[in-house]
Amino acid sequence: MKECPTCQALAACTPGAAREAMRPAVIAIIGPPNSGKSTLFNRLTGLRQKVANYPGVTVEQRLGKLRVATDREVTLIDLPGIYSLTPCSDDERTAHDVLRGRVPGAPRPDAVLIVLDANSLSRHLMVAAAVLAMGLPALVVLNMADELRQRGGEVDVKALSAHLGAPVVLASAANGEGLDEIYEFLSGRAAMRAPRIDRALLNDVARCRQWALHLGERAWQPPEPPLWTRRLDSVFLHPV
């Protein structure tokens, strides 16, 4: 008697494969320090968090859970704030290894939220390039967009998305702007695609910096300096 296709598929499904298929989606949140990354993590997960250390290092591991649909739960990993993925510090090494799936007991993320400060976009794009080059489906979150607008800045989201090969959303973790788009990405309803960044770009720091500055000039109008900075400048730079 010939087995039906469904029975054959069930027989071929090992316990480990079944557990992997049933586990919640794992999404990493990564970005430079002071980008509001952890504020967004807290807003998304609320009190459903767990804090520990990664094996063998003193780098803090923060995990949170949220339900984004009736049948979909997501585990969020708040990675350390970094300026690069070059594994020179414990924070950078840990972030790099988590994204590569090299940390014992931590599954490789299925996708990543790249949180950048919309007011410092040119500087932060180098971090985005390094993460996008790893090929994980990504959503680029330009946080503090409310402050950017208040200070006269703006971003051409469509142009930036086209250059990065990944969706981009303006957001504010403080007031909830952009959360609908973030939830759509986390729920899997948005079309996830692997971004395309030339990995050779990352091998030349000067070239990568020039790329970030050029892209910033094309897609970003920088904001005016904060009022307190302008006041200090008027005092210290005023001719005697």
C-alpha atoms as a PDB file:
ATOM      1  CA  MET A   1       0.000   0.000   0.000  1.00  0.00           C
ATOM      2  CA  LYS A   2       1.375   3.372  -1.019  1.00  0.00           C
ATOM      3  CA  GLU A   3       1.726   6.058   1.655  1.00  0.00           C
ATOM      4  CA  CYS A   4      -0.117   9.301   1.067  1.00  0.00           C
ATOM      5  CA  PRO A   5       2.030  12.438   0.497  1.00  0.00           C
ATOM      6  CA  THR A   6       0.905  13.959   3.797  1.00  0.00           C
ATOM      7  CA  CYS A   7       2.000  10.889   5.758  1.00  0.00           C
ATOM      8  CA  GLN A   8       5.339  10.864   3.964  1.00  0.00           C
ATOM      9  CA  ALA A   9       5.879  14.514   4.817  1.00  0.00           C
ATOM     10  CA  LEU A  10       5.036  13.924   8.467  1.00  0.00           C
ATOM     11  CA  ALA A  11       7.354  10.954   8.630  1.00  0.00           C
ATOM     12  CA  ALA A  12      10.183  12.988   7.135  1.00  0.00           C
ATOM     13  CA  CYS A  13       9.706  15.785   9.655  1.00  0.00           C
ATOM     14  CA  THR A  14      12.190  15.199  12.474  1.00  0.00           C
ATOM     15  CA  PRO A  15      11.406  16.459  16.002  1.00  0.00           C
ATOM     16  CA  GLY A  16      14.113  19.107  15.630  1.00  0.00           C
ATOM     17  CA  ALA A  17      12.729  20.318  12.311  1.00  0.00           C
ATOM     18  CA  ALA A  18       9.210  20.394  13.734  1.00  0.00           C
ATOM     19  CA  ARG A  19      10.335  22.477  16.709  1.00  0.00           C
ATOM     20  CA  GLU A  20      12.159  24.865  14.369  1.00  0.00           C
ATOM     21  CA  ALA A  21       9.061  25.265  12.189  1.00  0.00           C
ATOM     22  CA  MET A  22       6.832  25.932  15.220  1.00  0.00           C
ATOM     23  CA  ARG A  23       9.091  28.383  17.069  1.00  0.00           C
ATOM     24  CA  PRO A  24       8.140  32.088  17.132  1.00  0.00           C
ATOM     25  CA  ALA A  25       9.806  34.285  14.534  1.00  0.00           C
ATOM     26  CA  VAL A  26      12.991  35.876  15.882  1.00  0.00           C
ATOM     27  CA  ILE A  27      13.605  39.523  14.969  1.00  0.00           C
ATOM     28  CA  ALA A  28      16.751  41.393  16.012  1.00  0.00           C
ATOM     29  CA  ILE A  29      16.751  45.131  16.747  1.00  0.00           C
ATOM     30  CA  ILE A  30      20.078  46.786  16.028  1.00  0.00           C
ATOM     31  CA  GLY A  31      21.389  50.322  15.687  1.00  0.00           C
ATOM     32  CA  PRO A  32      23.914  52.845  16.966  1.00  0.00           C
ATOM     33  CA  PRO A  33      23.887  54.036  20.592  1.00  0.00           C
ATOM     34  CA  ASN A  34      21.373  56.817  21.309  1.00  0.00           C
ATOM     35  CA  SER A  35      19.272  55.976  18.243  1.00  0.00           C
ATOM     36  CA  GLY A  36      16.253  55.183  20.427  1.00  0.00           C
ATOM     37  CA  LYS A  37      16.607  51.464  19.709  1.00  0.00           C
ATOM     38  CA  SER A  38      15.893  50.337  23.273  1.00  0.00           C
ATOM     39  CA  THR A  39      13.014  52.814  23.593  1.00  0.00           C
ATOM     40  CA  LEU A  40      11.414  51.154  20.569  1.00  0.00           C
ATOM     41  CA  PHE A  41      12.115  47.699  22.028  1.00  0.00           C
ATOM     42  CA  ASN A  42      10.398  48.706  25.292  1.00  0.00           C
ATOM     43  CA  ARG A  43       7.439  50.188  23.442  1.00  0.00           C
ATOM     44  CA  LEU A  44       6.926  47.018  21.407  1.00  0.00           C
ATOM     45  CA  THR A  45       7.380  44.472  24.191  1.00  0.00           C
ATOM     46  CA  GLY A  46       6.133  46.316  27.286  1.00  0.00           C
ATOM     47  CA  LEU A  47       6.827  44.203  30.374  1.00  0.00           C
ATOM     48  CA  ARG A  48       7.257  40.932  28.461  1.00  0.00           C
ATOM     49  CA  GLN A  49      11.047  40.996  28.688  1.00  0.00           C
ATOM     50  CA  LYS A  50      13.849  38.786  29.938  1.00  0.00           C
ATOM     51  CA  VAL A  51      17.376  40.008  30.712  1.00  0.00           C
ATOM     52  CA  ALA A  52      20.492  37.835  30.994  1.00  0.00           C
ATOM     53  CA  ASN A  53      24.087  37.794  29.719  1.00  0.00           C
ATOM     54  CA  TYR A  54      25.356  36.190  26.533  1.00  0.00           C
ATOM     55  CA  PRO A  55      27.531  33.102  27.160  1.00  0.00           C
ATOM     56  CA  GLY A  56      31.137  33.934  28.023  1.00  0.00           C
ATOM     57  CA  VAL A  57      30.788  37.735  27.979  1.00  0.00           C
ATOM     58  CA  THR A  58      29.306  40.456  30.156  1.00  0.00           C
ATOM     59  CA  VAL A  59      27.189  41.820  27.297  1.00  0.00           C
ATOM     60  CA  GLU A  60      23.547  42.041  28.333  1.00  0.00           C
ATOM     61  CA  GLN A  61      21.009  39.942  26.442  1.00  0.00           C
ATOM     62  CA  ARG A  62      17.512  41.451  26.309  1.00  0.00           C
ATOM     63  CA  LEU A  63      14.666  39.374  24.914  1.00  0.00           C
ATOM     64  CA  GLY A  64      11.035  40.357  24.588  1.00  0.00           C
ATOM     65  CA  LYS A  65       7.872  38.841  23.176  1.00  0.00           C
ATOM     66  CA  LEU A  66       4.856  40.307  21.476  1.00  0.00           C
ATOM     67  CA  ARG A  67       1.873  38.963  19.590  1.00  0.00           C
ATOM     68  CA  VAL A  68       1.427  40.655  16.227  1.00  0.00           C
ATOM     69  CA  ALA A  69      -1.477  38.520  14.980  1.00  0.00           C
ATOM     70  CA  THR A  70      -3.859  35.970  16.452  1.00  0.00           C
ATOM     71  CA  ASP A  71      -1.581  33.166  15.277  1.00  0.00           C
ATOM     72  CA  ARG A  72       1.859  34.813  15.294  1.00  0.00           C
ATOM     73  CA  GLU A  73       4.140  35.525  18.231  1.00  0.00           C
ATOM     74  CA  VAL A  74       7.479  37.245  17.731  1.00  0.00           C
ATOM     75  CA  THR A  75      10.610  37.151  19.871  1.00  0.00           C
ATOM     76  CA  LEU A  76      12.573  40.407  19.753  1.00  0.00           C
ATOM     77  CA  ILE A  77      16.296  40.555  20.550  1.00  0.00           C
ATOM     78  CA  ASP A  78      17.601  43.987  21.574  1.00  0.00           C
ATOM     79  CA  LEU A  79      21.233  43.840  20.423  1.00  0.00           C
ATOM     80  CA  PRO A  80      23.931  46.128  21.888  1.00  0.00           C
ATOM     81  CA  GLY A  81      24.272  49.618  20.430  1.00  0.00           C
ATOM     82  CA  ILE A  82      27.128  49.609  17.908  1.00  0.00           C
ATOM     83  CA  TYR A  83      28.860  51.905  15.425  1.00  0.00           C
ATOM     84  CA  SER A  84      30.106  49.026  13.257  1.00  0.00           C
ATOM     85  CA  LEU A  85      29.903  45.249  12.890  1.00  0.00           C
ATOM     86  CA  THR A  86      33.686  44.892  12.798  1.00  0.00           C
ATOM     87  CA  PRO A  87      34.180  42.565  15.785  1.00  0.00           C
ATOM     88  CA  CYS A  88      36.642  44.702  17.772  1.00  0.00           C
ATOM     89  CA  SER A  89      34.661  45.095  21.014  1.00  0.00           C
ATOM     90  CA  ASP A  90      32.515  42.622  22.962  1.00  0.00           C
ATOM     91  CA  ASP A  91      29.370  44.500  21.891  1.00  0.00           C
ATOM     92  CA  GLU A  92      30.302  44.415  18.195  1.00  0.00           C
ATOM     93  CA  ARG A  93      31.422  40.792  18.345  1.00  0.00           C
ATOM     94  CA  THR A  94      28.204  39.747  20.083  1.00  0.00           C
ATOM     95  CA  ALA A  95      25.976  41.609  17.619  1.00  0.00           C
ATOM     96  CA  HIS A  96      27.887  40.144  14.665  1.00  0.00           C
ATOM     97  CA  ASP A  97      27.723  36.589  16.035  1.00  0.00           C
ATOM     98  CA  VAL A  98      24.001  36.781  16.876  1.00  0.00           C
ATOM     99  CA  LEU A  99      23.182  37.943  13.338  1.00  0.00           C
ATOM    100  CA  ARG A 100      25.313  35.107  11.958  1.00  0.00           C
ATOM    101  CA  GLY A 101      23.661  32.518  14.220  1.00  0.00           C
ATOM    102  CA  ARG A 102      26.919  31.701  15.994  1.00  0.00           C
ATOM    103  CA  VAL A 103      25.805  32.193  19.608  1.00  0.00           C
ATOM    104  CA  PRO A 104      24.998  28.915  21.417  1.00  0.00           C
ATOM    105  CA  GLY A 105      21.340  28.651  22.346  1.00  0.00           C
ATOM    106  CA  ALA A 106      20.332  31.693  20.286  1.00  0.00           C
ATOM    107  CA  PRO A 107      18.708  31.015  16.895  1.00  0.00           C
ATOM    108  CA  ARG A 108      19.784  33.165  13.978  1.00  0.00           C
ATOM    109  CA  PRO A 109      17.255  35.997  13.520  1.00  0.00           C
ATOM    110  CA  ASP A 110      14.735  35.621  10.720  1.00  0.00           C
ATOM    111  CA  ALA A 111      14.795  39.369  10.058  1.00  0.00           C
ATOM    112  CA  VAL A 112      16.117  42.590  11.542  1.00  0.00           C
ATOM    113  CA  LEU A 113      14.902  46.068  12.476  1.00  0.00           C
ATOM    114  CA  ILE A 114      17.699  48.581  11.812  1.00  0.00           C
ATOM    115  CA  VAL A 115      17.028  51.628  14.000  1.00  0.00           C
ATOM    116  CA  LEU A 116      18.791  54.850  12.981  1.00  0.00           C
ATOM    117  CA  ASP A 117      18.522  58.392  14.325  1.00  0.00           C
ATOM    118  CA  ALA A 118      16.818  60.373  11.553  1.00  0.00           C
ATOM    119  CA  ASN A 119      18.726  63.454  12.746  1.00  0.00           C
ATOM    120  CA  SER A 120      22.143  61.805  12.212  1.00  0.00           C
ATOM    121  CA  LEU A 121      21.368  59.814   9.099  1.00  0.00           C
ATOM    122  CA  SER A 122      24.637  60.186   7.162  1.00  0.00           C
ATOM    123  CA  ARG A 123      26.700  58.923  10.113  1.00  0.00           C
ATOM    124  CA  HIS A 124      24.339  56.062  10.887  1.00  0.00           C
ATOM    125  CA  LEU A 125      24.036  54.773   7.313  1.00  0.00           C
ATOM    126  CA  MET A 126      27.387  53.003   7.685  1.00  0.00           C
ATOM    127  CA  VAL A 127      25.828  50.762  10.349  1.00  0.00           C
ATOM    128  CA  ALA A 128      22.854  50.113   8.073  1.00  0.00           C
ATOM    129  CA  ALA A 129      25.171  49.097   5.220  1.00  0.00           C
ATOM    130  CA  ALA A 130      27.009  46.567   7.392  1.00  0.00           C
ATOM    131  CA  VAL A 131      23.781  44.963   8.613  1.00  0.00           C
ATOM    132  CA  LEU A 132      22.066  44.953   5.212  1.00  0.00           C
ATOM    133  CA  ALA A 133      25.104  43.292   3.634  1.00  0.00           C
ATOM    134  CA  MET A 134      24.418  40.223   5.796  1.00  0.00           C
ATOM    135  CA  GLY A 135      21.372  39.510   3.634  1.00  0.00           C
ATOM    136  CA  LEU A 136      18.672  39.239   6.300  1.00  0.00           C
ATOM    137  CA  PRO A 137      15.249  40.705   5.464  1.00  0.00           C
ATOM    138  CA  ALA A 138      15.265  44.148   7.071  1.00  0.00           C
ATOM    139  CA  LEU A 139      13.156  47.187   7.852  1.00  0.00           C
ATOM    140  CA  VAL A 140      15.091  50.436   8.268  1.00  0.00           C
ATOM    141  CA  VAL A 141      13.442  52.498  11.019  1.00  0.00           C
ATOM    142  CA  LEU A 142      14.325  56.206  11.006  1.00  0.00           C
ATOM    143  CA  ASN A 143      13.582  57.047  14.619  1.00  0.00           C
ATOM    144  CA  MET A 144      13.025  60.522  16.121  1.00  0.00           C
ATOM    145  CA  ALA A 145      11.338  61.659  12.901  1.00  0.00           C
ATOM    146  CA  ASP A 146       9.208  64.084  14.920  1.00  0.00           C
ATOM    147  CA  GLU A 147      12.341  65.891  16.107  1.00  0.00           C
ATOM    148  CA  LEU A 148      13.723  65.905  12.554  1.00  0.00           C
ATOM    149  CA  ARG A 149      10.649  67.735  11.264  1.00  0.00           C
ATOM    150  CA  GLN A 150      10.594  70.157  14.197  1.00  0.00           C
ATOM    151  CA  ARG A 151      14.147  71.181  13.314  1.00  0.00           C
ATOM    152  CA  GLY A 152      13.430  71.636   9.614  1.00  0.00           C
ATOM    153  CA  GLY A 153      14.857  68.375   8.271  1.00  0.00           C
ATOM    154  CA  GLU A 154      13.278  65.809   5.968  1.00  0.00           C
ATOM    155  CA  VAL A 155      13.943  62.434   4.328  1.00  0.00           C
ATOM    156  CA  ASP A 156      13.024  61.164   0.876  1.00  0.00           C
ATOM    157  CA  VAL A 157      11.941  57.726   2.088  1.00  0.00           C
ATOM    158  CA  LYS A 158      11.346  56.306  -1.399  1.00  0.00           C
ATOM    159  CA  ALA A 159      14.779  57.347  -2.666  1.00  0.00           C
ATOM    160  CA  LEU A 160      16.508  56.013   0.443  1.00  0.00           C
ATOM    161  CA  SER A 161      14.639  52.709   0.222  1.00  0.00           C
ATOM    162  CA  ALA A 162      15.569  52.321  -3.447  1.00  0.00           C
ATOM    163  CA  HIS A 163      19.274  52.859  -2.727  1.00  0.00           C
ATOM    164  CA  LEU A 164      19.330  50.519   0.278  1.00  0.00           C
ATOM    165  CA  GLY A 165      17.202  47.803  -1.307  1.00  0.00           C
ATOM    166  CA  ALA A 166      15.085  47.624   1.860  1.00  0.00           C
ATOM    167  CA  PRO A 167      11.863  49.247   3.101  1.00  0.00           C
ATOM    168  CA  VAL A 168      12.269  52.423   5.147  1.00  0.00           C
ATOM    169  CA  VAL A 169       9.812  53.938   7.629  1.00  0.00           C
ATOM    170  CA  LEU A 170       9.799  57.241   9.494  1.00  0.00           C
ATOM    171  CA  ALA A 171       9.059  56.589  13.158  1.00  0.00           C
ATOM    172  CA  SER A 172       9.078  57.963  16.671  1.00  0.00           C
ATOM    173  CA  ALA A 173       9.347  55.484  19.517  1.00  0.00           C
ATOM    174  CA  ALA A 174       8.334  58.321  21.840  1.00  0.00           C
ATOM    175  CA  ASN A 175       4.927  59.072  20.285  1.00  0.00           C
ATOM    176  CA  GLY A 176       4.164  55.872  18.363  1.00  0.00           C
ATOM    177  CA  GLU A 177       4.633  57.177  14.823  1.00  0.00           C
ATOM    178  CA  GLY A 178       5.430  54.382  12.380  1.00  0.00           C
ATOM    179  CA  LEU A 179       4.297  51.555  14.670  1.00  0.00           C
ATOM    180  CA  ASP A 180       1.670  50.325  12.191  1.00  0.00           C
ATOM    181  CA  GLU A 181       4.343  49.771   9.529  1.00  0.00           C
ATOM    182  CA  ILE A 182       6.636  48.107  12.062  1.00  0.00           C
ATOM    183  CA  TYR A 183       3.865  45.749  13.207  1.00  0.00           C
ATOM    184  CA  GLU A 184       3.095  44.898   9.587  1.00  0.00           C
ATOM    185  CA  PHE A 185       6.754  43.965   9.040  1.00  0.00           C
ATOM    186  CA  LEU A 186       6.866  41.907  12.245  1.00  0.00           C
ATOM    187  CA  SER A 187       3.635  40.104  11.361  1.00  0.00           C
ATOM    188  CA  GLY A 188       5.074  38.873   8.084  1.00  0.00           C
ATOM    189  CA  ARG A 189       2.309  40.534   6.060  1.00  0.00           C
ATOM    190  CA  ALA A 190       4.777  42.910   4.407  1.00  0.00           C
ATOM    191  CA  ALA A 191       6.799  41.478   1.546  1.00  0.00           C
ATOM    192  CA  MET A 192      10.218  40.641   2.985  1.00  0.00           C
ATOM    193  CA  ARG A 193      13.123  40.738   0.566  1.00  0.00           C
ATOM    194  CA  ALA A 194      16.823  40.284   1.073  1.00  0.00           C
ATOM    195  CA  PRO A 195      18.515  43.676   0.611  1.00  0.00           C
ATOM    196  CA  ARG A 196      21.388  44.197  -1.790  1.00  0.00           C
ATOM    197  CA  ILE A 197      24.493  46.016  -0.581  1.00  0.00           C
ATOM    198  CA  ASP A 198      27.870  45.629  -2.257  1.00  0.00           C
ATOM    199  CA  ARG A 199      29.944  43.760   0.335  1.00  0.00           C
ATOM    200  CA  ALA A 200      33.123  45.168  -1.220  1.00  0.00           C
ATOM    201  CA  LEU A 201      31.939  48.561   0.018  1.00  0.00           C
ATOM    202  CA  LEU A 202      32.488  47.430   3.604  1.00  0.00           C
ATOM    203  CA  ASN A 203      36.132  46.537   2.992  1.00  0.00           C
ATOM    204  CA  ASP A 204      37.053  50.182   2.398  1.00  0.00           C
ATOM    205  CA  VAL A 205      36.106  52.455   5.297  1.00  0.00           C
ATOM    206  CA  ALA A 206      36.805  55.652   3.359  1.00  0.00           C
ATOM    207  CA  ARG A 207      34.674  54.455   0.440  1.00  0.00           C
ATOM    208  CA  CYS A 208      31.851  53.394   2.765  1.00  0.00           C
ATOM    209  CA  ARG A 209      31.919  56.780   4.501  1.00  0.00           C
ATOM    210  CA  GLN A 210      31.800  58.546   1.131  1.00  0.00           C
ATOM    211  CA  TRP A 211      28.890  56.340   0.067  1.00  0.00           C
ATOM    212  CA  ALA A 212      26.980  57.262   3.249  1.00  0.00           C
ATOM    213  CA  LEU A 213      27.642  60.989   2.785  1.00  0.00           C
ATOM    214  CA  HIS A 214      26.605  60.860  -0.876  1.00  0.00           C
ATOM    215  CA  LEU A 215      23.400  58.965  -0.095  1.00  0.00           C
ATOM    216  CA  GLY A 216      22.653  61.407   2.716  1.00  0.00           C
ATOM    217  CA  GLU A 217      23.005  64.318   0.302  1.00  0.00           C
ATOM    218  CA  ARG A 218      20.592  62.693  -2.154  1.00  0.00           C
ATOM    219  CA  ALA A 219      17.869  61.553   0.248  1.00  0.00           C
ATOM    220  CA  TRP A 220      18.201  63.616   3.432  1.00  0.00           C
ATOM    221  CA  GLN A 221      17.832  67.261   4.359  1.00  0.00           C
ATOM    222  CA  PRO A 222      19.728  67.579   7.672  1.00  0.00           C
ATOM    223  CA  PRO A 223      17.976  69.365  10.527  1.00  0.00           C
ATOM    224  CA  GLU A 224      19.036  72.644  12.065  1.00  0.00           C
ATOM    225  CA  PRO A 225      21.283  72.211  15.124  1.00  0.00           C
ATOM    226  CA  PRO A 226      19.431  72.090  18.460  1.00  0.00           C
ATOM    227  CA  LEU A 227      18.611  75.487  19.983  1.00  0.00           C
ATOM    228  CA  TRP A 228      21.085  75.020  22.845  1.00  0.00           C
ATOM    229  CA  THR A 229      23.880  74.332  20.337  1.00  0.00           C
ATOM    230  CA  ARG A 230      23.060  77.483  18.377  1.00  0.00           C
ATOM    231  CA  ARG A 231      23.095  79.531  21.580  1.00  0.00           C
ATOM    232  CA  LEU A 232      26.501  78.171  22.572  1.00  0.00           C
ATOM    233  CA  ASP A 233      27.825  78.893  19.078  1.00  0.00           C
ATOM    234  CA  SER A 234      26.582  82.466  19.289  1.00  0.00           C
ATOM    235  CA  VAL A 235      28.577  82.929  22.500  1.00  0.00           C
ATOM    236  CA  PHE A 236      31.817  81.105  21.671  1.00  0.00           C
ATOM    237  CA  LEU A 237      32.004  82.005  17.976  1.00  0.00           C
ATOM    238  CA  HIS A 238      30.964  85.641  18.370  1.00  0.00           C
ATOM    239  CA  PRO A 239      33.806  87.942  17.252  1.00  0.00           C
ATOM    240  CA  VAL A 240      35.417  89.865  20.108  1.00  0.00           C
END
